[in-house]
C-alpha atoms as a PDB file:
ATOM      1  CA  UNK A   1      21.838   9.989  -6.994  1.00  0.00           C
ATOM      2  CA  UNK A   2      17.918  10.284  -6.099  1.00  0.00           C
ATOM      3  CA  UNK A   3      16.790  12.943  -3.873  1.00  0.00           C
ATOM      4  CA  UNK A   4      13.491  13.777  -2.191  1.00  0.00           C
ATOM      5  CA  UNK A   5      11.527  16.503  -4.087  1.00  0.00           C
ATOM      6  CA  UNK A   6       9.228  19.212  -2.563  1.00  0.00           C
ATOM      7  CA  UNK A   7       7.486  19.379   0.956  1.00  0.00           C
ATOM      8  CA  UNK A   8       6.791  15.960   2.451  1.00  0.00           C
ATOM      9  CA  UNK A   9       3.256  15.050   1.959  1.00  0.00           C
ATOM     10  CA  UNK A  10       1.345  12.332   4.106  1.00  0.00           C
ATOM     11  CA  UNK A  11       0.740   9.211   1.919  1.00  0.00           C
ATOM     12  CA  UNK A  12       2.990  10.665  -0.984  1.00  0.00           C
ATOM     13  CA  UNK A  13       6.887  10.046  -0.918  1.00  0.00           C
ATOM     14  CA  UNK A  14       8.738  11.052  -4.029  1.00  0.00           C
ATOM     15  CA  UNK A  15      12.364  10.250  -4.905  1.00  0.00           C
ATOM     16  CA  UNK A  16      13.555  12.069  -8.245  1.00  0.00           C
ATOM     17  CA  UNK A  17      15.837  10.307 -10.301  1.00  0.00           C
ATOM     18  CA  UNK A  18      17.942  11.476 -13.687  1.00  0.00           C
ATOM     19  CA  UNK A  19      15.019  11.508 -16.216  1.00  0.00           C
ATOM     20  CA  UNK A  20      12.366  10.114 -14.052  1.00  0.00           C
ATOM     21  CA  UNK A  21      10.927   9.569 -10.254  1.00  0.00           C
ATOM     22  CA  UNK A  22       9.729   7.001  -7.866  1.00  0.00           C
ATOM     23  CA  UNK A  23       6.720   7.513  -5.385  1.00  0.00           C
ATOM     24  CA  UNK A  24       5.717   5.734  -2.723  1.00  0.00           C
ATOM     25  CA  UNK A  25       2.059   6.451  -2.234  1.00  0.00           C
ATOM     26  CA  UNK A  26      -1.114   5.721  -0.773  1.00  0.00           C
ATOM     27  CA  UNK A  27      -3.733   5.510  -3.567  1.00  0.00           C
ATOM     28  CA  UNK A  28      -6.185   8.600  -3.445  1.00  0.00           C
ATOM     29  CA  UNK A  29      -7.920  10.737  -5.854  1.00  0.00           C
ATOM     30  CA  UNK A  30      -5.476  13.510  -4.992  1.00  0.00           C
ATOM     31  CA  UNK A  31      -2.351  11.277  -5.046  1.00  0.00           C
ATOM     32  CA  UNK A  32      -3.537  10.071  -8.728  1.00  0.00           C
ATOM     33  CA  UNK A  33      -3.834  13.635  -9.862  1.00  0.00           C
ATOM     34  CA  UNK A  34      -0.458  14.371  -8.408  1.00  0.00           C
ATOM     35  CA  UNK A  35       1.180  11.286 -10.213  1.00  0.00           C
ATOM     36  CA  UNK A  36      -0.420  12.307 -13.577  1.00  0.00           C
ATOM     37  CA  UNK A  37       0.844  15.900 -13.395  1.00  0.00           C
ATOM     38  CA  UNK A  38       4.339  14.881 -12.201  1.00  0.00           C
ATOM     39  CA  UNK A  39       4.247  12.142 -15.019  1.00  0.00           C
ATOM     40  CA  UNK A  40       3.700  14.896 -17.523  1.00  0.00           C
ATOM     41  CA  UNK A  41       6.016  17.392 -16.185  1.00  0.00           C
ATOM     42  CA  UNK A  42       8.951  14.823 -15.690  1.00  0.00           C
ATOM     43  CA  UNK A  43       8.537  13.539 -19.374  1.00  0.00           C
ATOM     44  CA  UNK A  44       8.158  16.987 -20.801  1.00  0.00           C
ATOM     45  CA  UNK A  45      11.441  18.181 -18.959  1.00  0.00           C
ATOM     46  CA  UNK A  46      13.345  15.151 -20.311  1.00  0.00           C
ATOM     47  CA  UNK A  47      12.228  16.197 -24.199  1.00  0.00           C
ATOM     48  CA  UNK A  48       9.431  13.542 -24.569  1.00  0.00           C
ATOM     49  CA  UNK A  49       6.989  14.692 -27.136  1.00  0.00           C
ATOM     50  CA  UNK A  50       3.445  16.089 -25.816  1.00  0.00           C
ATOM     51  CA  UNK A  51       1.498  12.891 -27.204  1.00  0.00           C
ATOM     52  CA  UNK A  52       3.755  10.331 -25.524  1.00  0.00           C
ATOM     53  CA  UNK A  53       3.701  12.198 -22.474  1.00  0.00           C
ATOM     54  CA  UNK A  54      -0.182  12.065 -22.580  1.00  0.00           C
ATOM     55  CA  UNK A  55      -0.195   8.471 -23.404  1.00  0.00           C
ATOM     56  CA  UNK A  56       1.943   7.817 -20.337  1.00  0.00           C
ATOM     57  CA  UNK A  57      -0.273   9.759 -17.977  1.00  0.00           C
ATOM     58  CA  UNK A  58      -3.108   7.666 -19.273  1.00  0.00           C
ATOM     59  CA  UNK A  59      -1.367   4.371 -18.956  1.00  0.00           C
ATOM     60  CA  UNK A  60      -0.212   5.381 -15.330  1.00  0.00           C
ATOM     61  CA  UNK A  61      -3.717   5.908 -14.439  1.00  0.00           C
ATOM     62  CA  UNK A  62      -5.242   2.851 -15.903  1.00  0.00           C
ATOM     63  CA  UNK A  63      -2.491   0.835 -13.823  1.00  0.00           C
ATOM     64  CA  UNK A  64      -3.023   2.441 -10.574  1.00  0.00           C
ATOM     65  CA  UNK A  65      -6.618   2.071 -11.345  1.00  0.00           C
ATOM     66  CA  UNK A  66      -6.316  -1.760 -11.786  1.00  0.00           C
ATOM     67  CA  UNK A  67      -4.326  -1.964  -8.463  1.00  0.00           C
ATOM     68  CA  UNK A  68      -6.969  -0.172  -6.639  1.00  0.00           C
ATOM     69  CA  UNK A  69      -9.630  -2.581  -8.240  1.00  0.00           C
ATOM     70  CA  UNK A  70      -7.446  -5.355  -7.085  1.00  0.00           C
ATOM     71  CA  UNK A  71      -6.305  -4.293  -3.820  1.00  0.00           C
ATOM     72  CA  UNK A  72      -8.952  -1.514  -2.677  1.00  0.00           C
ATOM     73  CA  UNK A  73      -8.733   2.071  -1.834  1.00  0.00           C
ATOM     74  CA  UNK A  74      -5.881   3.358  -0.049  1.00  0.00           C
ATOM     75  CA  UNK A  75      -3.618   0.724  -1.067  1.00  0.00           C
ATOM     76  CA  UNK A  76       0.063   1.410  -0.679  1.00  0.00           C
ATOM     77  CA  UNK A  77       1.645   1.620  -4.213  1.00  0.00           C
ATOM     78  CA  UNK A  78       5.134   2.338  -5.631  1.00  0.00           C
ATOM     79  CA  UNK A  79       4.908   4.375  -9.285  1.00  0.00           C
ATOM     80  CA  UNK A  80       7.917   4.545 -11.460  1.00  0.00           C
ATOM     81  CA  UNK A  81       8.344   6.489 -14.476  1.00  0.00           C
ATOM     82  CA  UNK A  82      11.750   7.163 -16.219  1.00  0.00           C
ATOM     83  CA  UNK A  83      12.930   7.512 -19.849  1.00  0.00           C
ATOM     84  CA  UNK A  84      15.963   5.318 -21.064  1.00  0.00           C
ATOM     85  CA  UNK A  85      17.092   4.994 -24.635  1.00  0.00           C
ATOM     86  CA  UNK A  86      14.588   6.749 -26.231  1.00  0.00           C
ATOM     87  CA  UNK A  87      11.577   4.889 -24.303  1.00  0.00           C
ATOM     88  CA  UNK A  88       9.512   6.013 -21.450  1.00  0.00           C
ATOM     89  CA  UNK A  89       9.255   3.078 -18.740  1.00  0.00           C
ATOM     90  CA  UNK A  90       6.275   3.038 -16.478  1.00  0.00           C
ATOM     91  CA  UNK A  91       5.801   0.613 -13.304  1.00  0.00           C
ATOM     92  CA  UNK A  92       3.408   0.297 -10.615  1.00  0.00           C
ATOM     93  CA  UNK A  93       3.747  -1.986  -7.806  1.00  0.00           C
ATOM     94  CA  UNK A  94       1.100  -3.339  -5.410  1.00  0.00           C
ATOM     95  CA  UNK A  95       0.962  -5.706  -2.429  1.00  0.00           C
ATOM     96  CA  UNK A  96      -1.535  -8.018  -4.243  1.00  0.00           C
ATOM     97  CA  UNK A  97       0.652 -10.789  -5.922  1.00  0.00           C
ATOM     98  CA  UNK A  98      -2.592 -12.852  -6.937  1.00  0.00           C
ATOM     99  CA  UNK A  99      -4.548 -10.134  -8.599  1.00  0.00           C
ATOM    100  CA  UNK A 100      -2.489 -10.400 -11.741  1.00  0.00           C
ATOM    101  CA  UNK A 101      -4.036  -8.274 -14.584  1.00  0.00           C
ATOM    102  CA  UNK A 102      -5.140 -10.595 -17.842  1.00  0.00           C
ATOM    103  CA  UNK A 103      -5.578  -9.455 -21.379  1.00  0.00           C
ATOM    104  CA  UNK A 104      -9.363  -9.994 -22.162  1.00  0.00           C
ATOM    105  CA  UNK A 105     -11.118  -9.864 -25.529  1.00  0.00           C
ATOM    106  CA  UNK A 106     -13.266  -6.640 -25.141  1.00  0.00           C
ATOM    107  CA  UNK A 107     -13.684  -4.268 -28.034  1.00  0.00           C
ATOM    108  CA  UNK A 108     -12.928  -0.689 -27.381  1.00  0.00           C
ATOM    109  CA  UNK A 109     -16.172   0.365 -28.912  1.00  0.00           C
ATOM    110  CA  UNK A 110     -18.485  -2.120 -27.200  1.00  0.00           C
ATOM    111  CA  UNK A 111     -21.165  -0.117 -25.596  1.00  0.00           C
ATOM    112  CA  UNK A 112     -22.467  -3.039 -23.462  1.00  0.00           C
ATOM    113  CA  UNK A 113     -19.055  -3.675 -21.945  1.00  0.00           C
ATOM    114  CA  UNK A 114     -18.757  -2.159 -18.338  1.00  0.00           C
ATOM    115  CA  UNK A 115     -15.221  -2.679 -17.822  1.00  0.00           C
ATOM    116  CA  UNK A 116     -12.137  -4.413 -19.497  1.00  0.00           C
ATOM    117  CA  UNK A 117     -11.205  -1.493 -21.572  1.00  0.00           C
ATOM    118  CA  UNK A 118      -8.167  -0.389 -19.210  1.00  0.00           C
ATOM    119  CA  UNK A 119      -5.661  -3.192 -20.606  1.00  0.00           C
ATOM    120  CA  UNK A 120      -6.863  -2.637 -24.064  1.00  0.00           C
ATOM    121  CA  UNK A 121      -5.850   0.914 -23.930  1.00  0.00           C
ATOM    122  CA  UNK A 122      -2.781  -0.098 -22.366  1.00  0.00           C
ATOM    123  CA  UNK A 123      -2.055  -2.406 -25.460  1.00  0.00           C
ATOM    124  CA  UNK A 124      -2.902   0.378 -27.802  1.00  0.00           C
ATOM    125  CA  UNK A 125      -0.678   3.110 -25.937  1.00  0.00           C
ATOM    126  CA  UNK A 126       2.487   1.079 -25.252  1.00  0.00           C
ATOM    127  CA  UNK A 127       4.756  -1.273 -27.078  1.00  0.00           C
ATOM    128  CA  UNK A 128       4.166  -3.952 -24.418  1.00  0.00           C
ATOM    129  CA  UNK A 129       3.493  -4.725 -20.957  1.00  0.00           C
ATOM    130  CA  UNK A 130       4.264  -7.558 -18.263  1.00  0.00           C
ATOM    131  CA  UNK A 131       3.985  -8.717 -14.795  1.00  0.00           C
ATOM    132  CA  UNK A 132       6.491  -9.275 -12.667  1.00  0.00           C
ATOM    133  CA  UNK A 133       6.017 -10.762  -9.183  1.00  0.00           C
ATOM    134  CA  UNK A 134       8.051  -9.648  -6.002  1.00  0.00           C
ATOM    135  CA  UNK A 135       8.594 -10.592  -2.581  1.00  0.00           C
ATOM    136  CA  UNK A 136       5.914  -8.125  -1.664  1.00  0.00           C
ATOM    137  CA  UNK A 137       3.384  -8.469  -4.588  1.00  0.00           C
ATOM    138  CA  UNK A 138       3.595  -7.328  -8.172  1.00  0.00           C
ATOM    139  CA  UNK A 139       4.685  -4.905 -10.506  1.00  0.00           C
ATOM    140  CA  UNK A 140       3.332  -4.255 -13.976  1.00  0.00           C
ATOM    141  CA  UNK A 141       5.814  -2.802 -16.100  1.00  0.00           C
ATOM    142  CA  UNK A 142       5.323  -0.934 -19.660  1.00  0.00           C
ATOM    143  CA  UNK A 143       7.217   0.838 -22.142  1.00  0.00           C
ATOM    144  CA  UNK A 144       6.216   3.607 -24.508  1.00  0.00           C
ATOM    145  CA  UNK A 145       8.524   3.344 -27.346  1.00  0.00           C
ATOM    146  CA  UNK A 146      10.788   0.523 -28.401  1.00  0.00           C
ATOM    147  CA  UNK A 147       9.301  -2.834 -27.874  1.00  0.00           C
ATOM    148  CA  UNK A 148       9.842  -4.655 -24.607  1.00  0.00           C
ATOM    149  CA  UNK A 149      12.406  -7.397 -24.757  1.00  0.00           C
END
């Protein structure tokens, strides 16, 4: 059963789950730092190795950043992190169904590129990602570990 964790914070509602969490939040710098820290602690307590936990923190940051770029600052988001069957599962849900991220051919070492490396980084750090539309927007889901079905 999910339970609330810690004192309530405006714009940050945490529900813990076995081996993970779901947070409803308003995008802000403080909340992104809190999500990164919570991701690291949650994965460490689930027995995930430090390298994978660090990769998950980077991926969550990229996905939240993409949502902010698509929807604007202070957008309401839902961030999910869990461990299941040897894989870390991540999801970021935002209210913009039209702002679907697309893979672009941008070299990670292209010094002239001003953007576009985020999803390339997600590709490198995960075994796959996909976008699922929902009645209230979209969710980008990814997995670190065994490949996505």
